[in-house]
Amino acid sequence: MAHGPLARLDERAGRALTGRGPQAVAEFCADLGNLQVALPVLAVAMAYAAWRGRRVQALYAGLAMALVPAVVVPLKLLVARAGPFTSETGWYPSGHTATALVAYGGAALLVHRRLLPVAVLLTVATGIGLVLRGYHWPLDVVASACLFSPIGMRRSSWRTPSRRTGPS
């Protein structure tokens, strides 16, 4: 993760990608992973779900968001990978990518599953923006996506159980 052939390949790819594309768009996309942007989206979806009687699912979404720093911060300290264009450590995995994935994915699952492609698009845009702006190496972003994607995989935990009548 922090050293070796894969890290060197990742850093070469990151250097080649940094600064590519329209920088204003890349910055906007990177900002989608900021807490100030992503958290209000999730909060509104949680309020909507609670209003619709899906309080448990809203609670799950809040707990999933609370897991982001609980998982990311210790990993950053453990891996101690230097970031792009700095000798400072603590860049792996990307907390912004994890925040975007959990906030937008959770919001989509709470409001309507048809919004999942939008959540995926926002999360991918966040990761691309972070790499193009030189805020993260590509594998920092991929690691967060791998770590936090399983949280939303069990759709049943996000849905209200149906009440069946009659024999099953």
N, C-alpha and C. Protein backbone atom coordinates (compact mmCIF):
# COMPACT_ATOMS: atom_id res chain seq x y z
N MET A 1 0.81 -1.19 0.00
CA MET A 1 0.00 0.00 0.00
C MET A 1 0.86 1.26 0.00
N ALA A 2 1.90 1.26 0.81
CA ALA A 2 2.71 2.47 0.93
C ALA A 2 4.02 2.37 0.18
N HIS A 3 4.49 1.14 -0.06
CA HIS A 3 5.77 0.94 -0.73
C HIS A 3 5.66 -0.25 -1.67
N GLY A 4 6.60 -0.37 -2.56
CA GLY A 4 6.64 -1.53 -3.44
C GLY A 4 6.21 -1.21 -4.85
N PRO A 5 6.19 -2.24 -5.71
CA PRO A 5 5.92 -2.03 -7.13
C PRO A 5 4.52 -1.47 -7.41
N LEU A 6 3.52 -1.92 -6.68
CA LEU A 6 2.16 -1.42 -6.91
C LEU A 6 2.06 0.05 -6.51
N ALA A 7 2.68 0.41 -5.41
CA ALA A 7 2.66 1.82 -4.98
C ALA A 7 3.40 2.69 -5.99
N ARG A 8 4.51 2.20 -6.50
CA ARG A 8 5.26 2.99 -7.51
C ARG A 8 4.45 3.17 -8.78
N LEU A 9 3.78 2.11 -9.22
CA LEU A 9 2.91 2.20 -10.41
C LEU A 9 1.77 3.17 -10.16
N ASP A 10 1.17 3.09 -8.97
CA ASP A 10 0.09 3.99 -8.59
C ASP A 10 0.56 5.45 -8.60
N GLU A 11 1.73 5.70 -8.07
CA GLU A 11 2.26 7.06 -8.03
C GLU A 11 2.58 7.58 -9.42
N ARG A 12 3.11 6.71 -10.29
CA ARG A 12 3.35 7.14 -11.68
C ARG A 12 2.04 7.51 -12.37
N ALA A 13 1.02 6.67 -12.17
CA ALA A 13 -0.28 6.95 -12.77
C ALA A 13 -0.86 8.24 -12.21
N GLY A 14 -0.74 8.43 -10.91
CA GLY A 14 -1.24 9.64 -10.27
C GLY A 14 -0.57 10.90 -10.80
N ARG A 15 0.76 10.83 -10.95
CA ARG A 15 1.49 12.00 -11.49
C ARG A 15 1.05 12.29 -12.92
N ALA A 16 0.83 11.23 -13.70
CA ALA A 16 0.42 11.42 -15.10
C ALA A 16 -0.99 12.02 -15.19
N LEU A 17 -1.85 11.71 -14.24
CA LEU A 17 -3.24 12.18 -14.28
C LEU A 17 -3.43 13.56 -13.66
N THR A 18 -2.59 13.91 -12.70
CA THR A 18 -2.74 15.19 -12.01
C THR A 18 -2.65 16.35 -12.99
N GLY A 19 -3.61 17.24 -12.89
CA GLY A 19 -3.62 18.43 -13.74
C GLY A 19 -4.32 18.23 -15.08
N ARG A 20 -4.76 17.04 -15.35
CA ARG A 20 -5.47 16.77 -16.61
C ARG A 20 -6.90 17.30 -16.53
N GLY A 21 -7.46 17.63 -17.65
CA GLY A 21 -8.86 18.03 -17.72
C GLY A 21 -9.09 19.43 -17.16
N PRO A 22 -10.31 19.89 -17.27
CA PRO A 22 -10.65 21.22 -16.75
C PRO A 22 -10.56 21.23 -15.22
N GLN A 23 -9.67 22.04 -14.69
CA GLN A 23 -9.40 22.03 -13.26
C GLN A 23 -10.57 22.51 -12.41
N ALA A 24 -11.37 23.44 -12.93
CA ALA A 24 -12.54 23.89 -12.17
C ALA A 24 -13.54 22.74 -11.98
N VAL A 25 -13.72 21.93 -13.01
CA VAL A 25 -14.62 20.78 -12.92
C VAL A 25 -14.03 19.74 -11.97
N ALA A 26 -12.73 19.50 -12.07
CA ALA A 26 -12.08 18.54 -11.19
C ALA A 26 -12.20 18.98 -9.73
N GLU A 27 -12.03 20.26 -9.47
CA GLU A 27 -12.16 20.78 -8.11
C GLU A 27 -13.59 20.62 -7.59
N PHE A 28 -14.56 20.94 -8.45
CA PHE A 28 -15.97 20.76 -8.07
C PHE A 28 -16.24 19.31 -7.71
N CYS A 29 -15.75 18.40 -8.54
CA CYS A 29 -15.97 16.97 -8.29
C CYS A 29 -15.28 16.53 -7.00
N ALA A 30 -14.06 16.97 -6.77
CA ALA A 30 -13.35 16.63 -5.53
C ALA A 30 -14.12 17.13 -4.32
N ASP A 31 -14.70 18.31 -4.44
CA ASP A 31 -15.46 18.90 -3.32
C ASP A 31 -16.72 18.12 -2.99
N LEU A 32 -17.20 17.28 -3.87
CA LEU A 32 -18.39 16.48 -3.59
C LEU A 32 -18.16 15.53 -2.40
N GLY A 33 -16.91 15.24 -2.10
CA GLY A 33 -16.58 14.37 -0.98
C GLY A 33 -16.38 15.11 0.33
N ASN A 34 -16.49 16.44 0.32
CA ASN A 34 -16.36 17.21 1.55
C ASN A 34 -17.56 16.95 2.46
N LEU A 35 -17.33 16.94 3.75
CA LEU A 35 -18.43 16.75 4.71
C LEU A 35 -19.50 17.81 4.55
N GLN A 36 -19.09 19.06 4.26
CA GLN A 36 -20.04 20.16 4.14
C GLN A 36 -21.00 19.97 2.96
N VAL A 37 -20.61 19.18 2.00
CA VAL A 37 -21.45 18.93 0.82
C VAL A 37 -22.23 17.63 0.98
N ALA A 38 -21.54 16.55 1.33
CA ALA A 38 -22.15 15.22 1.35
C ALA A 38 -23.06 14.99 2.55
N LEU A 39 -22.68 15.49 3.71
CA LEU A 39 -23.46 15.23 4.92
C LEU A 39 -24.87 15.82 4.86
N PRO A 40 -25.06 17.06 4.37
CA PRO A 40 -26.43 17.56 4.27
C PRO A 40 -27.32 16.72 3.35
N VAL A 41 -26.74 16.17 2.29
CA VAL A 41 -27.51 15.31 1.39
C VAL A 41 -28.01 14.10 2.15
N LEU A 42 -27.11 13.47 2.89
CA LEU A 42 -27.51 12.30 3.68
C LEU A 42 -28.51 12.68 4.77
N ALA A 43 -28.30 13.82 5.41
CA ALA A 43 -29.20 14.25 6.49
C ALA A 43 -30.63 14.47 5.97
N VAL A 44 -30.75 15.08 4.81
CA VAL A 44 -32.08 15.30 4.22
C VAL A 44 -32.73 13.96 3.89
N ALA A 45 -31.95 13.04 3.33
CA ALA A 45 -32.50 11.71 3.00
C ALA A 45 -32.90 10.96 4.27
N MET A 46 -32.11 11.10 5.34
CA MET A 46 -32.45 10.45 6.61
C MET A 46 -33.74 11.04 7.18
N ALA A 47 -33.89 12.35 7.10
CA ALA A 47 -35.11 12.99 7.59
C ALA A 47 -36.32 12.53 6.78
N TYR A 48 -36.15 12.45 5.47
CA TYR A 48 -37.22 11.97 4.59
C TYR A 48 -37.62 10.54 4.96
N ALA A 49 -36.60 9.68 5.13
CA ALA A 49 -36.87 8.29 5.47
C ALA A 49 -37.57 8.18 6.83
N ALA A 50 -37.14 8.95 7.80
CA ALA A 50 -37.78 8.93 9.11
C ALA A 50 -39.23 9.41 9.01
N TRP A 51 -39.46 10.45 8.23
CA TRP A 51 -40.81 10.97 8.02
C TRP A 51 -41.70 9.91 7.38
N ARG A 52 -41.10 9.09 6.50
CA ARG A 52 -41.85 8.03 5.82
C ARG A 52 -41.97 6.76 6.68
N GLY A 53 -41.52 6.84 7.93
CA GLY A 53 -41.63 5.69 8.82
C GLY A 53 -40.49 4.70 8.73
N ARG A 54 -39.39 5.10 8.13
CA ARG A 54 -38.24 4.21 7.96
C ARG A 54 -37.11 4.66 8.88
N ARG A 55 -37.44 4.78 10.17
CA ARG A 55 -36.48 5.30 11.14
C ARG A 55 -35.27 4.39 11.31
N VAL A 56 -35.49 3.10 11.29
CA VAL A 56 -34.38 2.16 11.47
C VAL A 56 -33.40 2.28 10.31
N GLN A 57 -33.91 2.38 9.09
CA GLN A 57 -33.03 2.53 7.93
C GLN A 57 -32.27 3.86 8.00
N ALA A 58 -32.94 4.91 8.46
CA ALA A 58 -32.26 6.20 8.61
C ALA A 58 -31.14 6.08 9.65
N LEU A 59 -31.40 5.35 10.71
CA LEU A 59 -30.39 5.13 11.74
C LEU A 59 -29.20 4.35 11.15
N TYR A 60 -29.49 3.33 10.35
CA TYR A 60 -28.41 2.57 9.69
C TYR A 60 -27.53 3.49 8.85
N ALA A 61 -28.15 4.39 8.13
CA ALA A 61 -27.39 5.31 7.29
C ALA A 61 -26.49 6.19 8.14
N GLY A 62 -27.02 6.69 9.26
CA GLY A 62 -26.21 7.50 10.15
C GLY A 62 -25.05 6.71 10.76
N LEU A 63 -25.32 5.47 11.12
CA LEU A 63 -24.26 4.62 11.67
C LEU A 63 -23.20 4.32 10.61
N ALA A 64 -23.63 4.10 9.38
CA ALA A 64 -22.67 3.86 8.29
C ALA A 64 -21.76 5.07 8.11
N MET A 65 -22.33 6.28 8.20
CA MET A 65 -21.50 7.48 8.07
C MET A 65 -20.55 7.60 9.26
N ALA A 66 -20.99 7.21 10.45
CA ALA A 66 -20.12 7.25 11.62
C ALA A 66 -18.96 6.27 11.49
N LEU A 67 -19.15 5.20 10.72
CA LEU A 67 -18.07 4.23 10.49
C LEU A 67 -16.95 4.81 9.64
N VAL A 68 -17.25 5.81 8.82
CA VAL A 68 -16.22 6.34 7.92
C VAL A 68 -14.98 6.78 8.69
N PRO A 69 -15.07 7.73 9.60
CA PRO A 69 -13.85 8.11 10.31
C PRO A 69 -13.33 7.01 11.24
N ALA A 70 -14.25 6.19 11.76
CA ALA A 70 -13.82 5.11 12.66
C ALA A 70 -12.96 4.08 11.95
N VAL A 71 -13.15 3.92 10.65
CA VAL A 71 -12.36 2.97 9.87
C VAL A 71 -11.20 3.68 9.17
N VAL A 72 -11.46 4.83 8.57
CA VAL A 72 -10.46 5.52 7.75
C VAL A 72 -9.29 6.05 8.59
N VAL A 73 -9.57 6.69 9.70
CA VAL A 73 -8.50 7.32 10.48
C VAL A 73 -7.48 6.30 10.99
N PRO A 74 -7.91 5.19 11.60
CA PRO A 74 -6.89 4.21 12.03
C PRO A 74 -6.09 3.63 10.86
N LEU A 75 -6.75 3.43 9.72
CA LEU A 75 -6.02 2.91 8.56
C LEU A 75 -5.00 3.92 8.06
N LYS A 76 -5.36 5.19 8.04
CA LYS A 76 -4.41 6.23 7.63
C LYS A 76 -3.18 6.21 8.54
N LEU A 77 -3.42 6.07 9.85
CA LEU A 77 -2.30 6.03 10.80
C LEU A 77 -1.48 4.76 10.64
N LEU A 78 -2.15 3.64 10.40
CA LEU A 78 -1.46 2.36 10.27
C LEU A 78 -0.62 2.30 8.99
N VAL A 79 -1.19 2.71 7.87
CA VAL A 79 -0.49 2.61 6.59
C VAL A 79 0.55 3.72 6.45
N ALA A 80 0.22 4.91 6.87
CA ALA A 80 1.13 6.06 6.82
C ALA A 80 1.71 6.29 5.43
N ARG A 81 0.86 6.27 4.44
CA ARG A 81 1.30 6.51 3.07
C ARG A 81 1.39 8.00 2.80
N ALA A 82 2.49 8.40 2.17
CA ALA A 82 2.67 9.80 1.81
C ALA A 82 1.72 10.15 0.67
N GLY A 83 1.24 11.37 0.71
CA GLY A 83 0.30 11.83 -0.31
C GLY A 83 1.02 12.36 -1.53
N PRO A 84 0.25 12.68 -2.56
CA PRO A 84 0.84 13.24 -3.77
C PRO A 84 1.51 14.58 -3.48
N PHE A 85 2.72 14.70 -3.94
CA PHE A 85 3.44 15.97 -3.91
C PHE A 85 3.66 16.50 -2.49
N THR A 86 3.75 15.60 -1.51
CA THR A 86 4.03 15.96 -0.13
C THR A 86 4.70 14.78 0.56
N SER A 87 5.45 15.06 1.59
CA SER A 87 6.04 13.97 2.37
C SER A 87 5.17 13.63 3.58
N GLU A 88 4.10 14.41 3.79
CA GLU A 88 3.17 14.13 4.88
C GLU A 88 2.47 12.80 4.62
N THR A 89 2.17 12.08 5.70
CA THR A 89 1.50 10.79 5.56
C THR A 89 0.04 10.90 5.98
N GLY A 90 -0.69 9.81 5.76
CA GLY A 90 -2.09 9.75 6.16
C GLY A 90 -3.05 9.98 5.01
N TRP A 91 -2.69 9.50 3.85
CA TRP A 91 -3.53 9.73 2.66
C TRP A 91 -4.30 8.49 2.23
N TYR A 92 -3.93 7.35 2.74
CA TYR A 92 -4.54 6.08 2.32
C TYR A 92 -5.34 5.50 3.47
N PRO A 93 -6.60 5.22 3.28
CA PRO A 93 -7.47 5.42 2.12
C PRO A 93 -8.08 6.82 2.13
N SER A 94 -8.77 7.15 1.06
CA SER A 94 -9.37 8.46 0.89
C SER A 94 -10.65 8.60 1.71
N GLY A 95 -10.62 9.47 2.69
CA GLY A 95 -11.82 9.74 3.48
C GLY A 95 -12.89 10.46 2.68
N HIS A 96 -12.47 11.31 1.72
CA HIS A 96 -13.44 12.02 0.88
C HIS A 96 -14.23 11.04 0.01
N THR A 97 -13.53 10.05 -0.53
CA THR A 97 -14.22 9.05 -1.35
C THR A 97 -15.18 8.24 -0.50
N ALA A 98 -14.73 7.84 0.68
CA ALA A 98 -15.60 7.07 1.58
C ALA A 98 -16.82 7.89 1.98
N THR A 99 -16.61 9.17 2.27
CA THR A 99 -17.72 10.05 2.64
C THR A 99 -18.73 10.14 1.50
N ALA A 100 -18.24 10.35 0.29
CA ALA A 100 -19.13 10.45 -0.87
C ALA A 100 -19.90 9.15 -1.07
N LEU A 101 -19.22 8.04 -1.01
CA LEU A 101 -19.87 6.75 -1.26
C LEU A 101 -20.96 6.48 -0.22
N VAL A 102 -20.65 6.68 1.05
CA VAL A 102 -21.64 6.38 2.10
C VAL A 102 -22.77 7.40 2.08
N ALA A 103 -22.45 8.68 1.92
CA ALA A 103 -23.50 9.71 1.95
C ALA A 103 -24.43 9.59 0.75
N TYR A 104 -23.88 9.55 -0.46
CA TYR A 104 -24.73 9.52 -1.64
C TYR A 104 -25.39 8.15 -1.83
N GLY A 105 -24.63 7.09 -1.54
CA GLY A 105 -25.23 5.75 -1.62
C GLY A 105 -26.32 5.56 -0.59
N GLY A 106 -26.06 6.00 0.63
CA GLY A 106 -27.07 5.91 1.68
C GLY A 106 -28.30 6.73 1.35
N ALA A 107 -28.09 7.94 0.84
CA ALA A 107 -29.22 8.80 0.47
C ALA A 107 -30.06 8.14 -0.62
N ALA A 108 -29.40 7.56 -1.61
CA ALA A 108 -30.14 6.90 -2.69
C ALA A 108 -30.95 5.72 -2.17
N LEU A 109 -30.35 4.92 -1.30
CA LEU A 109 -31.06 3.77 -0.76
C LEU A 109 -32.23 4.20 0.12
N LEU A 110 -32.09 5.32 0.79
CA LEU A 110 -33.17 5.80 1.65
C LEU A 110 -34.32 6.41 0.87
N VAL A 111 -34.00 7.11 -0.21
CA VAL A 111 -35.04 7.82 -0.97
C VAL A 111 -35.66 6.90 -2.01
N HIS A 112 -34.84 6.35 -2.90
CA HIS A 112 -35.34 5.40 -3.91
C HIS A 112 -34.15 4.74 -4.60
N ARG A 113 -34.22 3.42 -4.72
CA ARG A 113 -33.10 2.68 -5.32
C ARG A 113 -32.78 3.12 -6.74
N ARG A 114 -33.75 3.71 -7.42
CA ARG A 114 -33.48 4.18 -8.79
C ARG A 114 -32.44 5.30 -8.81
N LEU A 115 -32.17 5.89 -7.67
CA LEU A 115 -31.16 6.94 -7.57
C LEU A 115 -29.74 6.40 -7.39
N LEU A 116 -29.59 5.08 -7.25
CA LEU A 116 -28.26 4.51 -7.08
C LEU A 116 -27.29 4.86 -8.20
N PRO A 117 -27.70 4.87 -9.47
CA PRO A 117 -26.74 5.28 -10.50
C PRO A 117 -26.24 6.71 -10.30
N VAL A 118 -27.08 7.59 -9.79
CA VAL A 118 -26.66 8.96 -9.50
C VAL A 118 -25.62 8.95 -8.38
N ALA A 119 -25.87 8.12 -7.35
CA ALA A 119 -24.92 8.01 -6.24
C ALA A 119 -23.57 7.48 -6.73
N VAL A 120 -23.62 6.48 -7.59
CA VAL A 120 -22.38 5.93 -8.15
C VAL A 120 -21.65 7.01 -8.96
N LEU A 121 -22.39 7.73 -9.78
CA LEU A 121 -21.79 8.80 -10.59
C LEU A 121 -21.13 9.86 -9.71
N LEU A 122 -21.81 10.29 -8.65
CA LEU A 122 -21.24 11.30 -7.75
C LEU A 122 -19.99 10.79 -7.04
N THR A 123 -20.01 9.53 -6.65
CA THR A 123 -18.84 8.95 -5.98
C THR A 123 -17.67 8.80 -6.94
N VAL A 124 -17.93 8.33 -8.15
CA VAL A 124 -16.86 8.20 -9.15
C VAL A 124 -16.31 9.58 -9.51
N ALA A 125 -17.19 10.55 -9.66
CA ALA A 125 -16.75 11.92 -9.96
C ALA A 125 -15.87 12.45 -8.84
N THR A 126 -16.23 12.16 -7.60
CA THR A 126 -15.42 12.59 -6.46
C THR A 126 -14.02 12.01 -6.57
N GLY A 127 -13.94 10.70 -6.77
CA GLY A 127 -12.64 10.04 -6.88
C GLY A 127 -11.79 10.57 -8.02
N ILE A 128 -12.41 10.76 -9.16
CA ILE A 128 -11.68 11.29 -10.31
C ILE A 128 -11.18 12.70 -10.01
N GLY A 129 -12.04 13.52 -9.43
CA GLY A 129 -11.64 14.88 -9.08
C GLY A 129 -10.48 14.90 -8.11
N LEU A 130 -10.50 14.01 -7.11
CA LEU A 130 -9.41 13.95 -6.14
C LEU A 130 -8.08 13.59 -6.79
N VAL A 131 -8.11 12.69 -7.75
CA VAL A 131 -6.88 12.28 -8.43
C VAL A 131 -6.42 13.38 -9.40
N LEU A 132 -7.35 13.93 -10.18
CA LEU A 132 -6.97 14.95 -11.15
C LEU A 132 -6.43 16.22 -10.49
N ARG A 133 -6.91 16.53 -9.31
CA ARG A 133 -6.42 17.70 -8.57
C ARG A 133 -5.14 17.39 -7.80
N GLY A 134 -4.73 16.13 -7.73
CA GLY A 134 -3.51 15.76 -7.03
C GLY A 134 -3.70 15.68 -5.52
N TYR A 135 -4.93 15.46 -5.07
CA TYR A 135 -5.20 15.34 -3.64
C TYR A 135 -5.00 13.92 -3.15
N HIS A 136 -5.14 12.94 -4.04
CA HIS A 136 -4.99 11.53 -3.68
C HIS A 136 -4.37 10.76 -4.83
N TRP A 137 -3.69 9.66 -4.48
CA TRP A 137 -3.25 8.71 -5.48
C TRP A 137 -4.47 7.89 -5.90
N PRO A 138 -4.46 7.31 -7.10
CA PRO A 138 -5.61 6.51 -7.55
C PRO A 138 -5.98 5.37 -6.59
N LEU A 139 -4.99 4.67 -6.04
CA LEU A 139 -5.31 3.55 -5.15
C LEU A 139 -5.89 4.00 -3.82
N ASP A 140 -5.65 5.22 -3.40
CA ASP A 140 -6.30 5.74 -2.19
C ASP A 140 -7.82 5.74 -2.40
N VAL A 141 -8.21 6.15 -3.60
CA VAL A 141 -9.63 6.24 -3.96
C VAL A 141 -10.23 4.84 -4.10
N VAL A 142 -9.52 3.97 -4.80
CA VAL A 142 -10.01 2.60 -5.01
C VAL A 142 -10.14 1.86 -3.68
N ALA A 143 -9.19 2.06 -2.78
CA ALA A 143 -9.24 1.39 -1.48
C ALA A 143 -10.50 1.79 -0.71
N SER A 144 -10.84 3.07 -0.73
CA SER A 144 -12.06 3.52 -0.04
C SER A 144 -13.30 2.92 -0.66
N ALA A 145 -13.33 2.86 -1.97
CA ALA A 145 -14.49 2.27 -2.64
C ALA A 145 -14.62 0.80 -2.27
N CYS A 146 -13.52 0.09 -2.20
CA CYS A 146 -13.55 -1.33 -1.82
C CYS A 146 -13.95 -1.51 -0.35
N LEU A 147 -13.48 -0.63 0.50
CA LEU A 147 -13.79 -0.74 1.93
C LEU A 147 -15.24 -0.46 2.25
N PHE A 148 -15.83 0.53 1.58
CA PHE A 148 -17.14 0.99 1.97
C PHE A 148 -18.28 0.54 1.06
N SER A 149 -18.01 -0.03 -0.08
CA SER A 149 -19.08 -0.53 -0.94
C SER A 149 -19.90 -1.64 -0.29
N PRO A 150 -19.29 -2.55 0.46
CA PRO A 150 -20.10 -3.62 1.07
C PRO A 150 -21.15 -3.12 2.06
N ILE A 151 -21.01 -1.92 2.59
CA ILE A 151 -21.97 -1.40 3.56
C ILE A 151 -23.37 -1.37 2.97
N GLY A 152 -23.49 -0.99 1.72
CA GLY A 152 -24.80 -0.89 1.10
C GLY A 152 -25.22 -2.11 0.32
N MET A 153 -24.42 -3.15 0.33
CA MET A 153 -24.71 -4.31 -0.49
C MET A 153 -25.97 -5.06 -0.06
N ARG A 154 -26.24 -5.14 1.23
CA ARG A 154 -27.43 -5.85 1.71
C ARG A 154 -28.63 -4.93 1.62
N ARG A 155 -29.28 -4.95 0.52
CA ARG A 155 -30.45 -4.10 0.32
C ARG A 155 -31.52 -4.36 1.37
N SER A 156 -31.59 -5.59 1.83
CA SER A 156 -32.66 -5.93 2.78
C SER A 156 -32.54 -5.12 4.07
N SER A 157 -31.33 -4.72 4.44
CA SER A 157 -31.17 -3.96 5.67
C SER A 157 -31.66 -2.52 5.50
N TRP A 158 -31.88 -2.09 4.26
CA TRP A 158 -32.32 -0.72 4.00
C TRP A 158 -33.82 -0.64 3.77
N ARG A 159 -34.45 -1.77 3.53
CA ARG A 159 -35.88 -1.76 3.21
C ARG A 159 -36.71 -2.12 4.43
N THR A 160 -37.88 -1.60 4.45
CA THR A 160 -38.83 -1.97 5.48
C THR A 160 -39.41 -3.32 5.12
N PRO A 161 -39.43 -4.27 6.05
CA PRO A 161 -39.98 -5.58 5.73
C PRO A 161 -41.44 -5.47 5.31
N SER A 162 -41.82 -6.25 4.32
CA SER A 162 -43.22 -6.19 3.87
C SER A 162 -44.05 -7.06 4.83
N ARG A 163 -45.26 -6.64 5.00
CA ARG A 163 -46.18 -7.40 5.85
C ARG A 163 -47.02 -8.28 4.93
N ARG A 164 -46.77 -9.55 5.03
CA ARG A 164 -47.50 -10.49 4.17
C ARG A 164 -48.73 -10.98 4.91
N THR A 165 -49.77 -11.16 4.16
CA THR A 165 -50.97 -11.74 4.74
C THR A 165 -51.20 -13.08 4.08
N GLY A 166 -51.75 -13.98 4.85
CA GLY A 166 -52.03 -15.30 4.31
C GLY A 166 -50.82 -16.19 4.36
N PRO A 167 -50.96 -17.42 3.88
CA PRO A 167 -49.85 -18.37 3.91
C PRO A 167 -48.77 -17.96 2.92
N SER A 168 -47.54 -18.32 3.29
CA SER A 168 -46.43 -17.99 2.39
C SER A 168 -46.00 -19.16 1.56
